[in-house]
Protein backbone atom coordinates (compact mmCIF):
# COMPACT_ATOMS: atom_id res chain seq x y z
CA MET A 1 0.00 0.00 0.00
CA ILE A 2 2.71 2.43 0.95
CA LYS A 3 4.65 1.57 -2.17
CA LYS A 4 1.64 2.37 -4.32
CA LEU A 5 1.16 5.67 -2.58
CA THR A 6 4.82 6.49 -3.10
CA ASN A 7 4.73 5.66 -6.78
CA GLY A 8 1.56 7.71 -7.12
CA PHE A 9 3.22 10.78 -5.58
CA GLU A 10 6.26 10.35 -7.85
CA LEU A 11 4.02 10.23 -10.88
CA ILE A 12 2.11 13.27 -9.78
CA PHE A 13 5.43 15.10 -9.13
CA ARG A 14 6.82 14.27 -12.57
CA VAL A 15 3.61 15.45 -14.24
CA LEU A 16 3.66 18.69 -12.34
CA LYS A 17 7.39 19.11 -12.97
CA ASN A 18 7.00 18.57 -16.67
CA ALA A 19 3.98 20.87 -16.78
CA LEU A 20 5.84 23.61 -14.97
CA LEU A 21 9.22 23.26 -16.65
CA ARG A 22 8.13 22.50 -20.17
CA PRO A 23 7.31 26.10 -21.09
CA PHE A 24 10.72 27.24 -19.83
CA ARG A 25 12.49 24.42 -21.69
CA VAL A 26 10.59 25.31 -24.83
CA ILE A 27 11.35 28.98 -24.43
CA SER A 28 15.01 28.20 -23.71
CA GLY A 29 15.22 26.05 -26.78
CA LYS A 30 13.55 28.65 -28.90
CA ILE A 31 15.92 31.32 -27.58
CA LYS A 32 18.95 29.17 -28.31
CA TYR A 33 17.59 28.45 -31.75
CA THR A 34 16.61 32.04 -32.40
CA PHE A 35 19.94 33.54 -31.29
CA SER A 36 22.21 30.87 -32.68
CA VAL A 37 25.17 32.46 -34.51
CA GLY A 38 24.37 31.06 -37.92
CA ARG A 39 20.72 31.83 -37.75
CA VAL A 40 21.26 35.35 -36.40
CA THR A 41 23.84 36.09 -39.08
CA SER A 42 21.49 35.06 -41.82
CA ALA A 43 18.27 36.35 -40.32
CA VAL A 44 19.30 39.74 -38.87
CA PRO A 45 19.32 41.78 -42.11
CA GLY A 46 15.88 40.63 -43.15
CA ALA A 47 14.50 40.89 -39.63
CA VAL A 48 15.72 44.42 -39.27
CA ARG A 49 13.81 45.37 -42.38
CA LYS A 50 10.67 43.57 -41.14
CA LEU A 51 10.76 44.81 -37.52
CA PRO A 52 8.86 48.11 -38.00
CA LYS A 53 6.11 46.48 -39.97
CA LEU A 54 5.98 43.49 -37.64
CA ALA A 55 5.71 45.66 -34.57
CA LYS A 56 2.84 47.62 -36.05
CA ARG A 57 0.96 44.72 -37.59
CA ARG A 58 -1.90 43.17 -35.72
CA PRO A 59 -1.37 39.42 -35.49
CA GLU A 60 -3.97 37.58 -37.57
CA LYS A 61 -2.18 34.49 -38.93
CA ARG A 62 -0.27 31.61 -37.40
CA GLU A 63 3.05 32.98 -38.73
CA ASP A 64 2.42 36.17 -36.69
CA TYR A 65 3.06 34.14 -33.52
CA PHE A 66 5.99 32.35 -31.98
CA ASP A 67 5.05 28.74 -31.42
CA TRP A 68 6.76 27.57 -28.27
CA GLY A 69 5.14 24.19 -27.66
CA ARG A 70 1.61 24.99 -26.67
CA ILE A 71 2.45 28.59 -26.00
CA TYR A 72 1.75 31.19 -28.72
CA ILE A 73 3.19 34.68 -28.29
CA ALA A 74 2.60 37.48 -30.76
CA LYS A 75 5.84 38.47 -32.47
CA SER A 76 4.92 42.17 -32.22
CA LEU A 77 4.56 41.86 -28.45
CA VAL A 78 7.98 40.24 -28.18
CA LEU A 79 9.55 43.02 -30.19
CA ILE A 80 7.90 45.78 -28.18
CA THR A 81 8.84 44.07 -24.92
CA ALA A 82 12.47 43.72 -26.04
CA ALA A 83 12.61 47.38 -27.09
CA VAL A 84 11.18 48.47 -23.75
CA ILE A 85 13.66 46.36 -21.82
CA ALA A 86 16.56 47.68 -23.89
CA ALA A 87 15.40 51.25 -23.29
CA LEU A 88 15.10 50.64 -19.55
CA VAL A 89 18.59 49.18 -19.45
CA LEU A 90 20.02 52.19 -21.25
CA ILE A 91 18.11 54.60 -19.00
CA TYR A 92 19.46 52.84 -15.96
CA LEU A 93 23.07 52.70 -17.19
CA LEU A 94 23.20 56.22 -18.56
CA ILE A 95 20.92 58.16 -16.24
CA LEU A 96 19.69 56.36 -13.16
CA ARG A 97 22.87 54.59 -12.12
CA PRO A 98 25.07 57.74 -12.30
CA LEU A 99 22.34 59.69 -10.54
CA PHE A 100 22.01 57.13 -7.79
CA THR A 101 25.76 56.92 -7.48
CA SER A 102 26.10 60.72 -7.26
CA TRP A 103 23.33 61.46 -4.84
CA TRP A 104 22.65 58.39 -2.71
CA TRP A 105 25.60 56.12 -2.87
CA VAL A 106 28.22 58.12 -0.96
CA LYS A 107 31.35 56.72 0.65
CA ASP A 108 33.07 58.47 3.56
CA PHE A 109 36.89 58.71 3.78
CA GLN A 110 39.41 60.19 6.15
CA MET A 111 41.76 62.46 4.22
CA ASP A 112 44.78 60.20 4.77
CA ASN A 113 43.03 57.06 3.53
CA ALA A 114 45.17 55.45 0.82
CA ASP A 115 42.10 54.16 -1.02
CA LEU A 116 41.22 57.71 -2.03
CA SER A 117 43.95 57.75 -4.68
CA SER A 118 42.13 55.20 -6.80
CA TYR A 119 38.48 55.48 -5.77
CA THR A 120 35.74 56.26 -8.29
CA GLY A 121 32.33 57.48 -7.16
CA ARG A 122 30.64 59.92 -4.84
CA VAL A 123 32.65 60.64 -1.67
CA ARG A 124 32.84 62.75 1.44
CA VAL A 125 36.36 63.35 2.68
CA TYR A 126 36.98 64.49 6.25
CA TYR A 127 39.94 66.11 8.02
CA ASP A 128 39.45 63.93 11.11
CA ASP A 129 38.95 60.20 11.55
CA GLU A 130 35.70 60.84 13.41
CA PHE A 131 34.09 62.11 10.17
CA THR A 132 32.87 65.38 11.66
CA ASN A 133 35.05 68.01 9.93
CA LEU A 134 34.24 67.86 6.22
CA LYS A 135 37.07 68.59 3.73
CA PHE A 136 35.55 67.58 0.36
CA ASP A 137 32.14 66.57 -0.93
CA GLY A 138 31.89 65.47 -4.54
CA ARG A 139 32.80 62.81 -7.08
CA LEU A 140 36.11 61.15 -7.76
CA ASP A 141 37.26 59.41 -10.89
CA ASP A 142 40.26 57.26 -10.15
CA GLY A 143 41.03 59.39 -7.11
CA LYS A 144 40.69 62.76 -8.87
CA ALA A 145 37.83 65.20 -8.37
CA VAL A 146 35.44 65.53 -11.31
CA GLU A 147 32.11 67.20 -12.06
CA TYR A 148 30.67 69.42 -9.30
CA GLY A 149 32.12 69.41 -5.80
CA GLU A 150 32.77 71.48 -2.71
CA GLU A 151 35.88 72.01 -0.60
CA ARG A 152 36.06 73.46 2.90
CA TRP A 153 38.74 75.02 5.05
CA GLU A 154 39.60 73.30 8.30
CA ASN A 155 37.56 75.95 10.13
CA GLY A 156 34.45 74.69 8.34
CA ARG A 157 34.01 77.61 5.96
CA SER A 158 33.77 77.09 2.21
CA LYS A 159 37.03 77.01 0.27
CA TYR A 160 35.76 76.18 -3.23
CA ALA A 161 32.41 75.37 -4.77
CA GLY A 162 32.28 74.54 -8.43
CA GLU A 163 33.35 72.21 -11.18
CA TYR A 164 36.39 69.93 -11.40
CA SER A 165 38.22 68.07 -14.10
CA GLY A 166 41.12 65.71 -13.46
CA GLY A 167 41.38 66.85 -9.86
CA GLU A 168 41.72 70.55 -10.78
CA TYR A 169 39.34 73.49 -10.71
CA SER A 170 37.81 73.55 -14.18
CA GLY A 171 34.64 75.28 -15.29
CA SER A 172 32.48 77.59 -13.25
CA GLY A 173 33.32 78.01 -9.60
CA ILE A 174 33.77 80.22 -6.54
CA LEU A 175 36.97 80.37 -4.49
CA TYR A 176 36.87 81.62 -0.88
CA LEU A 177 39.36 82.87 1.70
CA GLU A 178 39.51 81.32 5.17
CA ASP A 179 37.38 84.11 6.61
CA GLY A 180 34.58 83.24 4.20
CA THR A 181 34.97 86.20 1.83
CA VAL A 182 34.92 85.52 -1.91
CA LEU A 183 38.37 85.59 -3.51
CA TYR A 184 37.39 84.68 -7.06
CA ARG A 185 34.12 84.07 -8.85
CA GLY A 186 34.15 82.90 -12.47
CA LEU A 187 35.68 80.35 -14.83
CA PHE A 188 38.63 78.04 -14.15
CA ALA A 189 40.88 75.86 -16.29
CA HIS A 190 43.78 73.70 -15.12
CA GLY A 191 43.35 74.97 -11.59
CA LYS A 192 43.82 78.66 -12.50
CA TYR A 193 41.59 81.60 -13.30
CA ASN A 194 40.80 81.25 -17.00
CA GLY A 195 37.93 83.02 -18.66
CA SER A 196 35.46 85.58 -17.41
CA GLY A 197 35.65 86.25 -13.68
CA GLU A 198 36.07 88.57 -10.69
CA LEU A 199 39.10 88.54 -8.39
CA THR A 200 38.82 90.44 -5.08
CA GLU A 201 41.85 91.12 -2.86
CA ASN A 202 42.09 93.66 -0.05
CA GLY A 203 38.80 95.24 -1.09
CA VAL A 204 39.95 95.69 -4.71
CA THR A 205 38.09 93.76 -7.42
CA LEU A 206 39.51 92.90 -10.83
CA SER A 207 36.85 91.97 -13.36
CA GLY A 208 37.25 90.78 -16.93
CA GLU A 209 38.96 88.03 -18.88
CA PHE A 210 41.62 86.01 -17.06
CA ARG A 211 44.42 83.92 -18.52
CA ASN A 212 46.47 81.56 -16.37
CA GLY A 213 45.58 83.41 -13.21
CA THR A 214 46.01 87.02 -14.35
CA LEU A 215 43.76 89.61 -15.97
CA GLU A 216 44.32 89.71 -19.71
CA GLY A 217 42.54 91.95 -22.21
CA SER A 218 39.62 94.17 -21.36
CA GLY A 219 38.81 94.55 -17.68
CA THR A 220 37.95 96.82 -14.77
CA ILE A 221 39.19 97.58 -11.26
CA THR A 222 36.72 98.56 -8.53
CA GLN A 223 37.06 99.22 -4.82
CA ASP A 224 34.14 99.25 -2.42
CA GLY A 225 31.81 99.46 -5.40
CA ILE A 226 33.59 102.46 -6.96
CA LEU A 227 35.08 102.06 -10.44
CA LEU A 228 38.82 102.88 -10.33
CA PHE A 229 40.01 101.72 -13.76
CA THR A 230 38.64 100.42 -17.03
CA GLY A 231 40.77 99.43 -19.99
CA ASN A 232 43.22 96.84 -21.26
CA PHE A 233 45.43 94.56 -19.16
CA THR A 234 48.51 92.42 -19.79
CA ASP A 235 49.61 89.98 -17.08
CA GLY A 236 47.25 91.69 -14.66
CA VAL A 237 48.70 95.17 -15.22
CA ALA A 238 47.12 98.08 -17.11
CA GLU A 239 48.58 98.17 -20.62
CA GLY A 240 47.23 100.15 -23.56
CA ARG A 241 44.21 102.44 -23.59
CA GLY A 242 42.39 102.98 -20.35
CA LYS A 243 40.70 105.32 -17.89
CA GLU A 244 41.78 105.70 -14.27
CA ASN A 245 39.55 107.35 -11.66
CA TYR A 246 40.06 109.04 -8.30
CA PRO A 247 38.92 107.15 -5.17
CA ASP A 248 35.58 108.96 -5.41
CA GLY A 249 34.99 107.65 -8.95
CA SER A 250 35.69 110.88 -10.84
CA LEU A 251 37.94 110.68 -13.91
CA HIS A 252 41.69 111.12 -13.26
CA TYR A 253 43.56 109.84 -16.35
CA ASN A 254 42.36 109.06 -19.86
CA GLY A 255 44.85 107.74 -22.36
CA ASP A 256 47.70 105.25 -22.74
CA PHE A 257 49.07 103.11 -19.92
CA SER A 258 52.12 100.91 -19.49
CA GLY A 259 53.11 98.98 -16.40
CA GLY A 260 49.98 100.19 -14.65
CA VAL A 261 50.79 103.90 -14.93
CA PRO A 262 50.18 106.61 -17.57
CA HIS A 263 52.63 106.28 -20.43
CA GLY A 264 52.19 108.02 -23.77
CA ALA A 265 49.49 110.50 -24.77
CA VAL A 266 47.28 111.09 -21.70
CA LEU A 267 44.74 113.59 -20.39
CA GLU A 268 44.79 114.28 -16.65
CA TYR A 269 41.82 115.84 -14.83
CA TYR A 270 41.11 117.48 -11.49
CA PRO A 271 38.46 115.74 -9.31
CA ASP A 272 35.82 118.22 -10.49
CA GLY A 273 36.41 117.25 -14.14
CA THR A 274 38.53 120.27 -15.12
CA LEU A 275 41.43 119.41 -17.43
CA LYS A 276 44.73 119.45 -15.53
CA TYR A 277 47.26 118.22 -18.10
CA SER A 278 47.29 117.35 -21.76
CA GLY A 279 50.41 115.79 -23.23
CA GLN A 280 53.00 113.06 -22.89
CA PHE A 281 53.77 110.80 -19.93
CA VAL A 282 56.70 108.48 -19.26
CA ALA A 283 56.43 106.01 -16.37
CA GLY A 284 53.60 107.97 -14.78
CA LYS A 285 55.31 111.37 -14.95
CA TYR A 286 55.06 114.33 -17.29
CA SER A 287 57.74 113.81 -19.96
CA GLY A 288 57.83 115.34 -23.40
CA GLU A 289 55.54 118.05 -24.70
CA GLY A 290 52.49 118.98 -22.67
CA THR A 291 50.30 121.71 -21.22
CA LEU A 292 49.48 122.11 -17.52
CA TYR A 293 46.35 123.91 -16.26
CA ASP A 294 45.14 125.17 -12.88
CA GLU A 295 41.81 124.32 -11.23
CA HIS A 296 40.07 127.14 -13.09
CA GLY A 297 41.19 125.99 -16.53
CA ASN A 298 43.93 128.61 -16.89
CA LYS A 299 47.28 127.64 -18.37
CA VAL A 300 50.09 127.13 -15.88
CA TYR A 301 52.79 125.83 -18.23
CA SER A 302 53.13 124.78 -21.83
CA GLY A 303 56.30 123.18 -23.15
CA SER A 304 58.74 120.38 -22.41
CA PHE A 305 58.84 118.17 -19.31
CA GLU A 306 61.38 115.64 -18.10
CA MET A 307 60.33 113.11 -15.46
CA GLY A 308 57.73 115.37 -13.96
CA VAL A 309 59.59 118.69 -13.97
CA ARG A 310 59.77 121.52 -16.47
CA SER A 311 62.86 121.06 -18.57
CA GLY A 312 63.73 122.38 -22.02
CA THR A 313 61.79 125.15 -23.72
CA GLY A 314 58.42 126.32 -22.50
CA SER A 315 56.15 129.11 -21.30
CA ALA A 316 54.94 129.72 -17.75
CA TYR A 317 51.64 131.37 -16.86
CA ASP A 318 49.99 132.84 -13.78
CA GLY A 319 46.21 132.79 -13.86
CA GLY A 320 46.38 132.36 -17.63
CA ARG A 321 48.73 135.39 -18.03
CA LEU A 322 52.09 134.73 -19.68
CA VAL A 323 54.88 135.38 -17.14
CA TYR A 324 57.88 133.67 -18.78
CA SER A 325 58.95 132.18 -22.08
CA GLY A 326 62.29 130.50 -22.63
CA GLY A 327 64.51 127.78 -21.21
CA PHE A 328 63.86 125.63 -18.12
CA GLU A 329 66.03 123.31 -16.06
CA GLN A 330 64.84 121.32 -13.06
CA GLY A 331 61.63 123.32 -13.05
CA MET A 332 63.34 126.75 -12.90
CA TYR A 333 63.98 129.43 -15.47
CA SER A 334 67.33 128.65 -17.02
CA GLY A 335 69.09 129.91 -20.12
CA SER A 336 67.81 132.48 -22.55
CA GLY A 337 64.31 133.72 -21.85
CA SER A 338 61.88 136.58 -21.40
CA LEU A 339 60.06 137.57 -18.22
CA TYR A 340 56.66 139.28 -18.51
CA GLY A 341 55.68 141.42 -15.53
CA VAL A 342 52.17 142.09 -14.32
CA ASP A 343 52.93 145.79 -14.91
CA GLY A 344 53.48 145.17 -18.62
CA THR A 345 57.28 145.07 -18.53
CA VAL A 346 59.24 142.56 -20.62
CA THR A 347 62.67 141.49 -19.40
CA THR A 348 64.95 139.52 -21.71
CA GLY A 349 68.22 137.95 -20.67
CA THR A 350 69.95 134.86 -19.42
CA PHE A 351 68.42 133.16 -16.38
CA THR A 352 70.17 131.08 -13.74
CA GLU A 353 68.18 129.13 -11.14
CA GLY A 354 65.05 131.13 -11.87
CA ALA A 355 66.40 134.66 -11.97
CA ILE A 356 68.42 137.07 -14.12
CA THR A 357 71.71 138.02 -12.60
CA GLY A 358 73.91 140.16 -14.78
CA ALA A 359 73.23 142.11 -17.95
CA ALA A 360 69.72 142.11 -19.40
CA VAL A 361 67.16 144.34 -21.09
CA ARG A 362 63.81 145.48 -19.67
CA THR A 363 61.22 147.19 -21.85
CA TYR A 364 58.38 149.17 -20.20
CA PRO A 365 54.82 149.59 -21.55
CA ASP A 366 55.45 153.17 -22.67
CA GLY A 367 58.46 152.14 -24.75
CA THR A 368 61.08 153.12 -22.16
CA LYS A 369 63.93 150.63 -22.09
CA TYR A 370 66.48 149.72 -19.44
CA GLU A 371 69.77 148.05 -20.32
CA GLY A 372 72.14 147.10 -17.58
CA CYS A 373 72.71 145.01 -14.50
CA PHE A 374 70.06 142.93 -12.76
CA SER A 375 69.86 141.20 -9.42
CA GLY A 376 67.02 138.78 -8.79
CA ASN A 377 65.11 139.93 -11.90
CA ILE A 378 65.27 143.58 -10.72
CA PRO A 379 67.42 146.35 -12.28
CA SER A 380 70.20 146.96 -9.77
CA GLY A 381 73.59 148.47 -10.43
CA ALA A 382 74.86 150.36 -13.44
CA GLY A 383 72.49 150.80 -16.35
CA SER A 384 70.99 153.19 -18.84
CA LEU A 385 67.44 154.28 -19.57
CA THR A 386 66.26 155.21 -23.07
CA ASP A 387 62.95 156.61 -24.22
CA ALA A 388 60.66 155.17 -26.90
CA ALA A 389 62.67 156.99 -29.58
CA GLY A 390 65.93 155.45 -28.37
CA ASN A 391 67.36 158.59 -26.74
CA ILE A 392 69.32 158.14 -23.52
CA VAL A 393 67.48 159.89 -20.72
CA TYR A 394 69.53 158.55 -17.81
CA SER A 395 72.75 156.66 -17.32
CA GLY A 396 73.81 155.72 -13.85
CA ALA A 397 72.92 153.73 -10.77
CA PHE A 398 69.69 151.75 -10.31
CA LEU A 399 68.29 150.27 -7.09
CA ASP A 400 65.32 148.01 -6.47
CA GLY A 401 64.15 148.28 -10.06
CA ASP A 402 64.20 152.07 -10.39
CA ILE A 403 66.63 154.97 -10.67
CA ASP A 404 68.59 155.24 -7.46
CA ILE A 405 67.38 158.73 -6.60
CA GLY A 406 69.04 158.51 -3.22
CA ALA A 407 72.46 158.34 -4.90
CA LEU A 408 71.78 161.63 -6.69
CA VAL A 409 71.12 163.82 -3.67
CA GLY A 410 74.20 165.44 -2.22
CA GLN A 411 76.09 165.20 -5.52
CA GLU A 412 77.43 168.31 -7.19
CA SER A 413 74.75 169.50 -9.57
CA SER A 414 77.03 169.41 -12.58
CA VAL A 415 77.93 165.77 -11.96
CA ALA A 416 74.31 164.77 -11.41
CA ALA A 417 73.20 166.64 -14.55
CA GLU A 418 75.61 164.53 -16.63
CA ARG A 419 73.42 161.53 -15.81
CA PHE A 420 70.57 163.14 -17.77
CA PRO A 421 71.89 164.13 -21.23
CA GLY A 422 68.59 165.65 -22.28
CA ALA A 423 67.75 167.48 -19.07
CA VAL A 424 66.55 171.09 -19.25
CA ARG A 425 67.77 173.53 -16.62
CA THR A 426 65.57 176.18 -15.08
CA VAL A 427 66.35 178.74 -12.35
CA SER A 428 64.09 180.13 -9.63
CA ASP A 429 64.66 182.49 -6.74
CA ASP A 430 65.71 179.87 -4.22
CA CYS A 431 67.12 177.05 -6.42
CA PHE A 432 67.70 175.79 -9.91
CA ARG A 433 66.33 172.55 -11.44
CA TYR A 434 67.06 169.95 -14.07
CA ALA A 435 64.14 168.13 -15.71
CA ASP A 436 63.99 165.56 -18.50
CA SER A 437 61.43 163.56 -20.41
CA SER A 438 61.73 160.51 -18.15
CA GLY A 439 59.90 162.32 -15.36
CA ILE A 440 62.96 163.24 -13.25
CA LEU A 441 63.31 166.57 -11.50
CA LEU A 442 66.60 167.52 -9.82
CA GLU A 443 66.36 170.38 -7.40
CA CYS A 444 69.76 171.99 -6.75
CA ALA A 445 71.03 174.55 -4.23
CA PHE A 446 73.13 177.45 -5.40
CA ALA A 447 76.80 177.37 -4.72
CA THR A 448 78.32 179.52 -2.01
CA GLU A 449 81.81 180.68 -1.37
CA SER A 450 82.40 177.59 0.74
CA THR A 451 80.22 174.95 -0.94
CA PRO A 452 79.55 173.93 -4.53
CA ALA A 453 76.09 173.70 -6.01
CA VAL A 454 74.60 170.34 -4.98
CA VAL A 455 71.43 168.33 -5.56
CA THR A 456 69.22 168.80 -2.55
CA GLY A 457 66.15 166.98 -3.77
CA VAL A 458 65.02 164.58 -6.44
CA TYR A 459 61.43 164.04 -7.60
CA ALA A 460 60.69 161.17 -9.95
CA LEU A 461 57.72 159.56 -11.62
CA PRO A 462 57.70 155.74 -11.73
CA VAL A 463 60.00 154.56 -14.51
CA GLY A 464 58.02 153.50 -17.57
CA GLY A 465 54.80 154.89 -16.15
CA ILE A 466 54.29 151.82 -14.03
CA SER A 467 51.14 151.74 -11.95
CA GLN A 468 52.54 150.22 -8.77
CA LYS A 469 50.12 149.35 -5.95
CA ILE A 470 51.21 150.31 -2.44
CA LEU A 471 48.59 149.62 0.20
CA SER A 472 50.90 149.47 3.21
CA ALA A 473 54.50 149.95 4.24
CA ALA A 474 55.12 146.30 3.40
CA ASP A 475 54.43 147.01 -0.29
CA VAL A 476 57.17 149.64 -0.51
CA ASN A 477 60.05 148.47 -2.68
CA ALA A 478 62.98 149.27 -0.42
CA PRO A 479 65.97 147.36 0.94
CA SER A 480 64.73 144.89 3.50
CA ALA A 481 67.32 145.97 6.01
CA VAL A 482 65.83 149.47 6.12
CA GLY A 483 62.62 150.17 7.99
CA VAL A 484 59.77 151.83 6.09
CA THR A 485 57.46 154.09 8.10
CA ARG A 486 54.36 156.09 7.31
CA VAL A 487 54.76 159.84 7.83
CA ASP A 488 52.44 162.84 7.91
CA ALA A 489 53.36 164.86 4.85
CA ALA A 490 51.39 166.51 2.07
CA LEU A 491 52.22 166.04 -1.58
CA PRO A 492 54.97 168.60 -2.34
CA THR A 493 54.41 171.41 -4.83
CA GLU A 494 57.17 169.94 -7.03
CA ALA A 495 54.68 167.24 -7.95
CA GLN A 496 52.82 169.75 -10.09
CA LEU A 497 56.00 170.34 -12.09
CA LEU A 498 55.91 166.63 -12.96
CA GLY A 499 52.29 166.89 -14.07
CA ILE A 500 50.77 165.29 -10.98
CA PRO A 501 47.44 166.96 -10.10
CA THR A 502 46.96 168.33 -6.61
CA GLN A 503 45.44 165.62 -4.41
CA SER A 504 45.65 164.03 -1.02
CA ALA A 505 48.38 161.43 -0.73
CA THR A 506 49.84 158.96 1.73
CA CYS A 507 53.57 159.18 2.36
CA TYR A 508 56.02 156.44 3.34
CA ALA A 509 59.62 157.24 4.21
CA VAL A 510 62.99 155.59 4.72
CA GLU A 511 65.88 157.43 6.36
CA TYR A 512 69.43 156.80 5.22
CA ALA A 513 72.68 158.29 6.51
CA GLU A 514 72.66 161.39 4.31
CA HIS A 515 69.21 161.44 2.75
CA THR A 516 65.60 160.39 3.13
CA VAL A 517 63.50 158.73 0.42
CA TYR A 518 59.72 159.22 0.23
CA TRP A 519 56.98 157.30 -1.60
CA TRP A 520 53.86 159.30 -2.40
CA VAL A 521 50.76 157.17 -2.86
CA SER A 522 47.25 158.10 -4.05
CA SER A 523 44.09 157.24 -2.14
CA GLN A 524 43.67 154.25 -4.51
CA GLY A 525 47.09 152.94 -3.53
CA GLU A 526 48.84 153.86 -6.79
CA LEU A 527 52.40 155.17 -6.62
CA LEU A 528 52.39 158.78 -7.75
CA MET A 529 56.06 159.58 -7.42
CA ARG A 530 59.16 159.16 -5.33
CA SER A 531 61.34 161.87 -3.82
CA ALA A 532 64.66 162.06 -2.04
CA GLU A 533 65.85 164.87 0.25
CA TYR A 534 69.41 165.75 1.18
CA SER A 535 69.76 165.63 4.94
CA ALA A 536 72.36 168.47 5.05
CA GLY A 537 69.60 170.94 4.31
CA ILE A 538 68.61 173.15 1.46
CA GLY A 539 71.33 175.36 -0.01
CA SER A 540 71.02 179.15 0.51
CA THR A 541 70.07 181.76 -2.02
CA PRO A 542 72.91 183.73 -3.64
CA SER A 543 74.73 185.95 -1.10
CA ASP A 544 77.39 188.64 -1.07
CA GLU A 545 80.85 188.33 0.44
CA ASN A 546 79.46 189.24 3.82
CA GLY A 547 76.86 186.50 3.68
CA ASN A 548 73.97 188.84 3.09
CA ALA A 549 71.31 187.73 0.71
CA THR A 550 71.57 189.34 -2.67
CA ASP A 551 68.57 190.16 -4.76
CA ARG A 552 68.56 187.99 -7.83
CA ASP A 553 67.27 190.75 -10.06
CA GLU A 554 70.25 192.89 -9.14
CA ILE A 555 72.60 190.10 -10.04
CA ALA A 556 70.83 189.55 -13.34
CA GLU A 557 71.13 193.22 -14.13
CA LEU A 558 74.85 193.12 -13.47
CA PHE A 559 75.25 190.23 -15.84
CA GLU A 560 73.24 191.88 -18.52
CA ASN A 561 75.42 194.99 -18.27
CA ILE A 562 78.43 192.98 -19.25
CA GLY A 563 76.55 190.95 -21.92
CA LEU A 564 76.17 187.65 -20.00
CA ASP A 565 73.21 185.52 -19.11
CA ILE A 566 72.66 184.67 -15.46
CA GLU A 567 71.27 181.28 -16.42
CA ASP A 568 74.73 180.26 -17.60
CA PHE A 569 76.19 180.90 -14.18
CA ALA A 570 73.32 180.06 -11.93
CA SER A 571 74.75 176.64 -11.20
CA LEU A 572 77.83 178.34 -9.84
CA GLY A 573 75.80 180.27 -7.34
CA PHE A 574 75.79 183.68 -9.00
């Protein structure tokens, strides 16, 4: 009985086994047959041509099915199923697997782990072996960072966030300093700044195109949001055309640069936009031809420069007015040149260290000309004065830019008169005078038995008709060693002889050993005239042998009786 039951179970098992396994055996056989090398080689070309039609065709005939034993499967279904499976495999391999690997399958390493050098996949690398202080988060390919990743400093702040290639920064990224501030934002290649980006150091930002770590080509420099420079760069330094601004953003330089400084043709501006300089630069300094202006747009200098100073030939200005034209050396007048005074005078000569010392010529607005010695751009010493027609009106000593009238007083009248070739002599009751076209009046005392006729006073208009302003004693042109004081004195009557109208005047005086010099100034501060007075006192009128005053008319009558003219002898005291 038991044996029968056992045999029965074995039979049932074999039936079930065959029923269950037969479809798989059939399918396996069909697959082996279908994909056999010879069959595939011969059937693939035709099948490829039939696949589209077969997949679309609705099965209607027996040949539209695969006959696997008692199992019939539509060929179109098999094809569609195979295509779907192939697509899923590709999606997994190309999309899902890398995505899963990048985002979910992450392996943690300590930074000193030797396996890092050859690992491929998503990783997190830590400074410590407790995996708390993150150093790197990203993907490795054979131990080298690729694709997108992030680095951190040991203090936990970001060091770099961006793209990698072959273990180097490559592509778009941001580089940080240890304090968390952005050092560079832009494109990388081979671990260096390459491409468009912004580099910020010490508050200064360089923006533009970078090459191997330095700014190259067009770019800008900004600081605290203010544009400082825009132009061309070479190796990170301004080179070529550019514009440089002041710290407040206003334009400073516009032109050519080399080595980061103006070099070549450049315009320089004041902070308010007024042009300061137009011309050539060398190594950041004025060199070559150029023109310098003040803050109001007036010329200051036009001519040659050498390393920032005036050198060569040029013209200097004051408030736009020409003051000098000629040679320069080390910024000072040097060599042949002409000095133009505010009073209209023109002085031509040879300059040394900014001033004429020696012989030179000064021409005054009215045509009067001085030729002689100078000291510190001022006529001093021996010289001669000619009028507009070229006639000598005075030849003698000059002091502080004018005729030394103090040297004339006390001289014998005949000697003093020789200084004025064209002077006209006149005689009055108490003195005789010499006057010439230059505006000089010599007042002389008559000779006595004991003293010769001498010059007791000199009255002189300003040489060249200069309108000199004197508003205080400090404006008086006198030797600095001598004190100038204001005195109470009315304009002398001799002023009328020089053509000066009667008016109130201010008087300044300087006392010397043997004479006193006066400056007479109008209420508007204009110099009217100068005068000098002999300290020994005014000479007496003609006198007899006893010292009694003699009437001039009587003397004249005596002269007439003998056929002589008193005027010819007046200088002798008769």
